[in-house]
Amino acid sequence: MPSYPQTVEVPEVFPRRILRLPEVCAITGRSRPTIYRHMNQGRFPVAIKLGEKSIGWFSDEIEAWLDSLPRVEIADPGATKESA
């Protein structure tokens, strides 16, 4: 009887996934109405049609959108302002 390894490493052939709305909401922190509003305004990736009543988003497009958001610099609360 042949012996097979317990784990098999599978190369990541398809790193792109399709995300459904609940997962997109959880990842982005945006509500359903906000996602649809921003999508209609061209400020969010456009969904793809999966079926008659289902849509999804490509994971890499959501990741790219998140990476494009502006960063916020938070001042160091321990720093003191110098008097002019």
Foldseek 3Di string as FASTA:
>chain_A
DDDDDPDDDDDCPDPKDWAFDVVLCVVVVDDPVVQVVCVVVVLADDWDDDDPPGTTDIPVRSVVSVVPDDDDDDDDPPDDDDDD
